[in-house]
Protein backbone atom coordinates (compact mmCIF):
# COMPACT_ATOMS: atom_id res chain seq x y z
CA UNK A 1 -17.25 6.70 14.20
CA UNK A 2 -16.09 5.70 17.67
CA UNK A 3 -18.40 2.67 17.57
CA UNK A 4 -16.48 1.07 14.71
CA UNK A 5 -14.28 -1.92 15.41
CA UNK A 6 -11.99 -0.79 12.56
CA UNK A 7 -11.61 2.34 10.53
CA UNK A 8 -11.18 0.46 7.25
CA UNK A 9 -11.62 -3.08 5.98
CA UNK A 10 -9.14 -4.05 3.26
CA UNK A 11 -10.05 -7.01 1.07
CA UNK A 12 -6.95 -8.67 -0.40
CA UNK A 13 -3.42 -8.94 0.97
CA UNK A 14 -1.52 -8.69 -2.28
CA UNK A 15 1.15 -6.08 -2.72
CA UNK A 16 -1.49 -3.36 -3.21
CA UNK A 17 -3.56 -4.25 -0.15
CA UNK A 18 -0.47 -4.78 2.00
CA UNK A 19 1.13 -1.45 1.11
CA UNK A 20 -2.14 0.41 1.65
CA UNK A 21 -2.64 -1.27 5.03
CA UNK A 22 0.85 -0.22 6.16
CA UNK A 23 0.29 3.38 5.08
CA UNK A 24 -3.06 3.65 6.82
CA UNK A 25 -1.65 2.20 10.03
CA UNK A 26 1.26 4.64 9.87
CA UNK A 27 -1.32 7.43 9.83
CA UNK A 28 -2.95 6.11 13.00
CA UNK A 29 -5.94 4.32 11.47
CA UNK A 30 -7.25 0.91 12.50
CA UNK A 31 -7.26 -1.63 9.69
CA UNK A 32 -8.45 -5.21 9.23
CA UNK A 33 -7.21 -7.12 6.16
CA UNK A 34 -9.03 -10.16 4.78
CA UNK A 35 -7.24 -12.67 2.57
CA UNK A 36 -7.79 -16.38 2.11
CA UNK A 37 -4.15 -17.46 1.50
CA UNK A 38 -3.82 -15.05 -1.42
CA UNK A 39 -6.84 -16.53 -3.17
CA UNK A 40 -7.80 -12.96 -3.97
CA UNK A 41 -4.37 -11.61 -4.75
CA UNK A 42 -2.11 -14.37 -6.04
CA UNK A 43 -0.79 -12.39 -9.01
CA UNK A 44 1.88 -10.83 -6.81
CA UNK A 45 3.39 -14.24 -6.06
CA UNK A 46 3.99 -14.94 -9.77
CA UNK A 47 5.10 -11.42 -10.70
CA UNK A 48 8.50 -10.36 -11.99
CA UNK A 49 8.85 -7.67 -9.32
CA UNK A 50 10.95 -5.46 -11.61
CA UNK A 51 10.99 -1.69 -11.20
CA UNK A 52 11.62 -0.57 -14.77
CA UNK A 53 11.48 3.12 -15.76
CA UNK A 54 11.65 2.56 -19.56
CA UNK A 55 9.51 -0.07 -21.25
CA UNK A 56 8.35 -1.44 -24.59
CA UNK A 57 9.92 -1.69 -28.02
CA UNK A 58 9.73 2.09 -28.37
CA UNK A 59 11.51 2.62 -25.06
CA UNK A 60 8.84 4.78 -23.46
CA UNK A 61 9.73 6.34 -20.13
CA UNK A 62 7.03 5.93 -17.51
CA UNK A 63 5.46 9.31 -16.67
CA UNK A 64 6.01 8.39 -13.01
CA UNK A 65 9.61 7.25 -13.45
CA UNK A 66 10.97 10.25 -11.55
CA UNK A 67 8.44 9.97 -8.73
CA UNK A 68 6.87 6.54 -8.22
CA UNK A 69 9.89 4.33 -8.87
CA UNK A 70 12.35 6.16 -6.58
CA UNK A 71 9.61 6.24 -3.94
CA UNK A 72 9.08 2.49 -4.27
CA UNK A 73 12.82 1.81 -4.10
CA UNK A 74 13.18 3.80 -0.89
CA UNK A 75 10.04 2.26 0.59
CA UNK A 76 11.26 -1.28 -0.03
CA UNK A 77 14.69 -0.45 1.34
CA UNK A 78 13.08 0.87 4.52
CA UNK A 79 10.77 -2.15 4.77
CA UNK A 80 13.70 -4.55 4.78
CA UNK A 81 14.67 -3.21 8.20
CA UNK A 82 11.09 -3.13 9.46
CA UNK A 83 10.26 -6.65 8.30
CA UNK A 84 13.64 -8.26 8.97
CA UNK A 85 13.98 -9.73 5.49
CA UNK A 86 16.14 -9.22 2.39
CA UNK A 87 14.11 -8.86 -0.79
CA UNK A 88 15.16 -5.60 -2.50
CA UNK A 89 17.97 -5.47 -5.07
CA UNK A 90 19.14 -2.51 -7.15
CA UNK A 91 19.93 -3.94 -10.58
CA UNK A 92 20.47 -2.46 -13.99
CA UNK A 93 18.65 -3.89 -16.97
CA UNK A 94 20.83 -5.11 -19.83
CA UNK A 95 18.56 -4.72 -22.84
CA UNK A 96 19.47 -6.68 -25.97
CA UNK A 97 18.25 -4.57 -28.89
CA UNK A 98 15.51 -6.41 -30.75
CA UNK A 99 15.77 -4.72 -34.17
CA UNK A 100 17.50 -1.95 -36.15
CA UNK A 101 14.35 0.12 -35.65
CA UNK A 102 14.71 -0.09 -31.87
CA UNK A 103 18.35 0.91 -32.25
CA UNK A 104 17.27 4.08 -34.03
CA UNK A 105 14.65 4.67 -31.34
CA UNK A 106 17.40 4.39 -28.73
CA UNK A 107 19.50 7.00 -30.53
CA UNK A 108 16.56 9.42 -30.39
CA UNK A 109 15.96 8.74 -26.71
CA UNK A 110 19.61 9.34 -25.86
CA UNK A 111 19.31 12.82 -27.37
CA UNK A 112 16.14 13.56 -25.37
CA UNK A 113 16.95 15.39 -22.13
CA UNK A 114 13.92 13.87 -20.38
CA UNK A 115 15.61 10.46 -20.64
CA UNK A 116 18.90 11.64 -19.15
CA UNK A 117 20.17 9.16 -16.58
CA UNK A 118 17.67 6.46 -17.55
CA UNK A 119 19.48 5.03 -20.58
CA UNK A 120 23.13 4.42 -21.44
CA UNK A 121 24.84 2.99 -24.49
CA UNK A 122 24.54 1.90 -27.15
CA UNK A 123 26.85 -1.09 -27.18
CA UNK A 124 27.72 -2.35 -30.70
CA UNK A 125 26.49 -5.69 -32.07
CA UNK A 126 28.47 -8.58 -30.68
CA UNK A 127 29.64 -6.63 -27.63
CA UNK A 128 28.27 -9.33 -25.32
CA UNK A 129 28.59 -12.31 -27.65
CA UNK A 130 31.60 -13.51 -25.64
CA UNK A 131 29.18 -13.78 -22.69
CA UNK A 132 26.95 -16.00 -24.83
CA UNK A 133 24.27 -13.32 -25.35
CA UNK A 134 22.68 -13.05 -28.77
CA UNK A 135 23.10 -9.30 -29.36
CA UNK A 136 23.15 -9.11 -33.14
CA UNK A 137 21.53 -5.65 -33.10
CA UNK A 138 23.56 -4.30 -30.19
CA UNK A 139 22.52 -3.58 -26.63
CA UNK A 140 22.08 -0.84 -24.04
CA UNK A 141 21.45 -0.37 -20.33
CA UNK A 142 18.33 0.83 -18.54
CA UNK A 143 19.42 2.52 -15.33
CA UNK A 144 17.60 3.37 -12.09
CA UNK A 145 15.93 -0.03 -12.18
CA UNK A 146 15.60 -2.55 -9.39
CA UNK A 147 14.10 -5.89 -8.46
CA UNK A 148 11.94 -7.07 -5.59
CA UNK A 149 11.70 -10.79 -4.74
CA UNK A 150 7.91 -11.19 -4.63
CA UNK A 151 7.63 -14.43 -2.60
CA UNK A 152 10.09 -13.25 0.06
CA UNK A 153 8.46 -9.84 0.42
CA UNK A 154 4.91 -11.20 0.47
CA UNK A 155 5.78 -13.80 3.10
CA UNK A 156 7.39 -11.10 5.25
CA UNK A 157 4.37 -8.82 4.86
CA UNK A 158 2.00 -11.65 5.73
CA UNK A 159 3.97 -12.46 8.90
CA UNK A 160 4.02 -8.81 9.91
CA UNK A 161 0.32 -8.18 9.35
CA UNK A 162 -0.60 -11.38 11.13
CA UNK A 163 1.69 -10.68 14.11
CA UNK A 164 0.11 -7.24 14.58
CA UNK A 165 -3.41 -8.67 14.50
CA UNK A 166 -4.33 -6.94 11.26
CA UNK A 167 -4.63 -9.96 8.96
CA UNK A 168 -7.57 -12.36 9.01
CA UNK A 169 -7.05 -15.51 6.95
CA UNK A 170 -10.66 -15.69 5.85
CA UNK A 171 -12.60 -15.68 2.64
CA UNK A 172 -14.44 -12.37 2.22
CA UNK A 173 -17.95 -12.80 0.86
CA UNK A 174 -18.91 -9.48 -0.69
CA UNK A 175 -22.59 -10.52 -0.54
CA UNK A 176 -22.41 -10.32 3.26
CA UNK A 177 -21.25 -6.71 3.28
CA UNK A 178 -24.00 -4.40 4.52
CA UNK A 179 -24.36 -0.68 4.42
CA UNK A 180 -25.15 0.88 7.77
CA UNK A 181 -25.39 4.45 8.97
CA UNK A 182 -21.95 6.03 8.65
CA UNK A 183 -20.18 2.92 7.41
CA UNK A 184 -20.34 -0.78 6.61
CA UNK A 185 -20.92 -4.00 8.54
CA UNK A 186 -19.35 -7.34 7.66
CA UNK A 187 -20.52 -10.20 9.85
CA UNK A 188 -20.49 -7.94 12.92
CA UNK A 189 -17.25 -6.12 12.01
CA UNK A 190 -18.05 -2.45 11.48
CA UNK A 191 -15.87 0.11 9.73
CA UNK A 192 -16.08 3.42 7.96
CA UNK A 193 -15.56 1.78 4.57
CA UNK A 194 -14.45 -1.38 2.76
CA UNK A 195 -11.54 -1.03 0.32
CA UNK A 196 -11.23 -3.73 -2.32
CA UNK A 197 -7.71 -4.81 -3.33
CA UNK A 198 -8.57 -8.23 -4.67
CA UNK A 199 -6.70 -8.21 -7.96
CA UNK A 200 -8.44 -9.35 -11.12
CA UNK A 201 -11.31 -10.85 -9.08
CA UNK A 202 -12.58 -7.31 -8.55
CA UNK A 203 -13.53 -7.28 -12.23
CA UNK A 204 -16.57 -9.28 -11.04
CA UNK A 205 -17.10 -7.29 -7.86
CA UNK A 206 -20.74 -6.09 -7.97
CA UNK A 207 -19.67 -2.64 -6.79
CA UNK A 208 -17.02 -2.19 -9.49
CA UNK A 209 -18.12 -4.20 -12.53
CA UNK A 210 -18.44 -0.89 -14.37
CA UNK A 211 -14.67 -0.40 -14.26
CA UNK A 212 -12.91 -1.54 -17.43
CA UNK A 213 -10.55 -4.26 -16.27
CA UNK A 214 -8.58 -6.21 -18.89
CA UNK A 215 -6.98 -9.07 -16.93
CA UNK A 216 -4.04 -10.94 -18.42
CA UNK A 217 -2.58 -14.25 -17.30
CA UNK A 218 1.19 -14.46 -17.00
CA UNK A 219 3.51 -17.42 -16.46
CA UNK A 220 7.08 -17.53 -15.12
CA UNK A 221 9.73 -20.27 -15.05
CA UNK A 222 12.49 -20.90 -12.55
CA UNK A 223 15.41 -22.68 -14.21
CA UNK A 224 18.62 -24.35 -13.13
CA UNK A 225 21.58 -22.00 -13.66
CA UNK A 226 24.62 -23.63 -15.29
CA UNK A 227 26.69 -20.49 -15.98
CA UNK A 228 28.42 -19.33 -12.81
CA UNK A 229 29.38 -16.04 -14.47
CA UNK A 230 25.83 -15.02 -15.34
CA UNK A 231 25.66 -11.24 -14.81
CA UNK A 232 23.79 -9.50 -12.02
CA UNK A 233 21.82 -7.42 -14.51
CA UNK A 234 18.23 -8.20 -15.47
CA UNK A 235 18.59 -9.26 -19.10
CA UNK A 236 15.76 -8.12 -21.35
CA UNK A 237 14.83 -8.94 -24.95
CA UNK A 238 11.05 -8.56 -25.12
CA UNK A 239 10.99 -11.13 -22.31
CA UNK A 240 13.36 -11.07 -19.32
CA UNK A 241 15.70 -13.44 -17.54
CA UNK A 242 17.68 -12.89 -14.34
CA UNK A 243 19.75 -14.60 -11.70
CA UNK A 244 17.90 -15.25 -8.45
CA UNK A 245 19.63 -15.11 -5.05
CA UNK A 246 19.06 -18.83 -4.60
CA UNK A 247 21.37 -19.60 -7.50
CA UNK A 248 18.83 -20.30 -10.23
CA UNK A 249 17.30 -18.26 -13.04
CA UNK A 250 13.87 -16.63 -13.27
CA UNK A 251 12.37 -16.06 -16.70
CA UNK A 252 9.16 -14.58 -18.00
CA UNK A 253 6.69 -13.76 -18.92
CA UNK A 254 3.72 -14.63 -21.09
CA UNK A 255 0.47 -12.78 -21.78
CA UNK A 256 -2.89 -14.51 -22.13
CA UNK A 257 -6.19 -12.60 -21.96
CA UNK A 258 -8.38 -15.65 -22.60
CA UNK A 259 -7.50 -18.33 -20.04
CA UNK A 260 -7.84 -16.39 -16.79
CA UNK A 261 -6.73 -18.92 -14.21
CA UNK A 262 -3.63 -19.73 -12.18
CA UNK A 263 -2.86 -23.08 -13.83
CA UNK A 264 0.58 -23.35 -15.50
CA UNK A 265 0.33 -24.48 -19.11
CA UNK A 266 2.54 -26.53 -21.39
CA UNK A 267 2.09 -23.92 -24.12
CA UNK A 268 3.57 -21.14 -21.97
CA UNK A 269 6.37 -23.44 -20.79
CA UNK A 270 7.29 -24.19 -24.40
CA UNK A 271 7.08 -20.53 -25.35
CA UNK A 272 9.44 -19.45 -22.59
CA UNK A 273 11.93 -22.28 -23.15
CA UNK A 274 11.91 -21.47 -26.86
CA UNK A 275 12.81 -17.88 -26.02
CA UNK A 276 16.15 -19.04 -24.60
CA UNK A 277 17.33 -19.28 -28.21
CA UNK A 278 16.69 -15.55 -28.59
CA UNK A 279 18.68 -14.71 -25.46
CA UNK A 280 21.68 -16.99 -25.87
CA UNK A 281 23.94 -18.25 -28.63
CA UNK A 282 24.09 -21.58 -26.81
CA UNK A 283 21.28 -21.87 -24.22
CA UNK A 284 22.52 -25.27 -23.02
CA UNK A 285 25.55 -23.57 -21.45
CA UNK A 286 23.30 -21.33 -19.31
CA UNK A 287 19.98 -22.92 -18.41
CA UNK A 288 19.21 -26.43 -17.22
CA UNK A 289 15.92 -27.98 -16.22
CA UNK A 290 12.75 -26.29 -15.02
CA UNK A 291 12.68 -26.01 -11.24
CA UNK A 292 9.34 -24.25 -10.85
CA UNK A 293 6.53 -23.03 -13.10
CA UNK A 294 4.03 -20.47 -11.78
CA UNK A 295 1.03 -18.69 -13.24
CA UNK A 296 -1.34 -15.94 -12.11
CA UNK A 297 -3.69 -13.32 -13.51
CA UNK A 298 -2.65 -9.67 -13.55
CA UNK A 299 -5.32 -7.04 -12.77
CA UNK A 300 -4.67 -4.97 -15.88
CA UNK A 301 -6.95 -2.15 -17.04
CA UNK A 302 -8.00 -1.01 -20.49
CA UNK A 303 -6.27 2.35 -20.05
CA UNK A 304 -3.23 0.89 -18.19
CA UNK A 305 -4.07 3.33 -15.38
CA UNK A 306 -4.81 2.00 -11.89
CA UNK A 307 -8.22 2.22 -10.23
CA UNK A 308 -8.02 4.16 -6.96
CA UNK A 309 -10.63 5.94 -4.89
CA UNK A 310 -14.08 5.87 -3.36
CA UNK A 311 -17.13 4.85 -5.31
CA UNK A 312 -18.57 7.95 -7.00
CA UNK A 313 -21.98 7.24 -5.48
CA UNK A 314 -21.02 6.02 -2.01
CA UNK A 315 -17.97 6.78 0.10
CA UNK A 316 -18.41 3.59 2.14
CA UNK A 317 -16.94 1.56 -0.74
CA UNK A 318 -13.50 2.07 -2.30
CA UNK A 319 -11.00 0.31 -4.54
CA UNK A 320 -7.20 0.18 -4.77
CA UNK A 321 -6.42 -2.02 -7.73
CA UNK A 322 -5.61 -2.25 -11.42
CA UNK A 323 -1.81 -2.01 -11.30
CA UNK A 324 -1.40 -4.81 -13.82
CA UNK A 325 2.19 -5.95 -14.27
CA UNK A 326 3.47 -2.88 -12.38
CA UNK A 327 2.07 -3.67 -8.95
CA UNK A 328 5.44 -3.74 -7.21
CA UNK A 329 6.59 -0.62 -9.02
CA UNK A 330 3.54 1.60 -8.51
CA UNK A 331 1.52 0.41 -5.51
CA UNK A 332 3.83 1.92 -2.82
CA UNK A 333 3.55 5.39 -4.38
CA UNK A 334 -0.21 5.26 -4.86
CA UNK A 335 -0.73 3.64 -1.45
CA UNK A 336 0.87 6.66 0.19
CA UNK A 337 -1.23 8.98 -1.98
CA UNK A 338 -4.50 7.15 -1.23
CA UNK A 339 -3.78 6.87 2.49
CA UNK A 340 -3.13 10.61 2.69
CA UNK A 341 -6.31 11.22 0.70
CA UNK A 342 -8.25 9.12 3.23
CA UNK A 343 -6.64 10.44 6.40
CA UNK A 344 -5.66 13.98 5.46
CA UNK A 345 -8.02 14.89 2.64
CA UNK A 346 -5.24 15.37 0.11
CA UNK A 347 -6.30 15.09 -3.54
CA UNK A 348 -5.84 12.02 -5.71
CA UNK A 349 -3.96 12.27 -8.97
CA UNK A 350 -6.58 12.27 -11.78
CA UNK A 351 -4.50 9.58 -13.50
CA UNK A 352 -5.82 7.04 -10.99
CA UNK A 353 -9.05 8.50 -9.56
CA UNK A 354 -11.98 6.24 -10.48
CA UNK A 355 -14.32 9.20 -10.41
CA UNK A 356 -13.01 9.96 -13.89
CA UNK A 357 -15.17 7.02 -15.08
CA UNK A 358 -18.94 6.88 -15.38
CA UNK A 359 -20.44 4.25 -13.12
CA UNK A 360 -23.62 2.24 -12.72
CA UNK A 361 -25.89 2.23 -9.67
CA UNK A 362 -25.24 -0.79 -7.45
CA UNK A 363 -26.48 -2.05 -4.10
CA UNK A 364 -25.26 -3.76 -0.96
CA UNK A 365 -26.37 -7.34 -0.26
CA UNK A 366 -29.77 -8.32 1.06
CA UNK A 367 -30.59 -6.92 4.50
CA UNK A 368 -33.23 -4.74 6.09
CA UNK A 369 -30.48 -2.22 6.75
CA UNK A 370 -29.19 -2.25 3.21
CA UNK A 371 -29.03 1.05 1.41
CA UNK A 372 -28.38 1.42 -2.29
CA UNK A 373 -25.17 3.13 -3.22
CA UNK A 374 -26.39 6.72 -3.25
């Protein structure tokens, strides 16, 4: 292994690839990250960045809410000092109840000891109507939540990785990756293994096409904020809206599993602007014009579980991907787990290990030294 230029090649500098790179470096490993201006991992730039322990109409607590989310919160807090940037905010979620049925679901959750500390309320209908919120079915709070500013964090991570010589702003052509004895070779760069963190693009990766990705496009609006008393909470009513530090509003998001591109659409814009009527009694008092409209494709999976680990047939190829809309919430926790699996031999949680899935035989690109994945 001493002949390798790097220990590991990471393909994709999204939030997943960045967090994994930091963890591997912290464990003393040499890493090279390839990313062509987030061409491979742009979903993180259009993500909400919310760390939410209780989701959905049925208010389901994430099975990792007591582990992954506190870990992510602490990790981001620590990174602010390391990266010299402010991007992490602890914020409650003010959830406007969507129906009487959800109100009854909330009552059941509040009596469930496993939800203790995560939910508070309920607030009666009309409790926030004086603040212009449309809360005809009442409301409640989701606690232990937080928000990361994706563009600020990703820019800080990019600067850091570039300043330390880790990041290469280059397109990575998977067809040029060769298998060699004890590792891989990419255009003369040798390493023990290549780890793919390319977002939804990895659904077409020849090494991992057997994994069941279900990508979904999402779009977000930035709006002019007209209400100076808009609360600090993340307001949620199926969709979400929040105050941004710059003084505007961020609102999202849409789901589209058909048009998998990063082009903002008029249909999504209309859908989101129409949702203002569901949030506010009088939207014109709160939100002005559209300042920015972004779109990206989330690397969702059919089981909603991430894809982590080495290829079942060849430990020179690995993946760290599939976090969907929860990339900022879950990738720090799983990055630490995967890095310790790589460096220290610690086991992966079966919830993410790709070896739980049957795979197809695949091969490296054309070369006399190429070996099929064994």
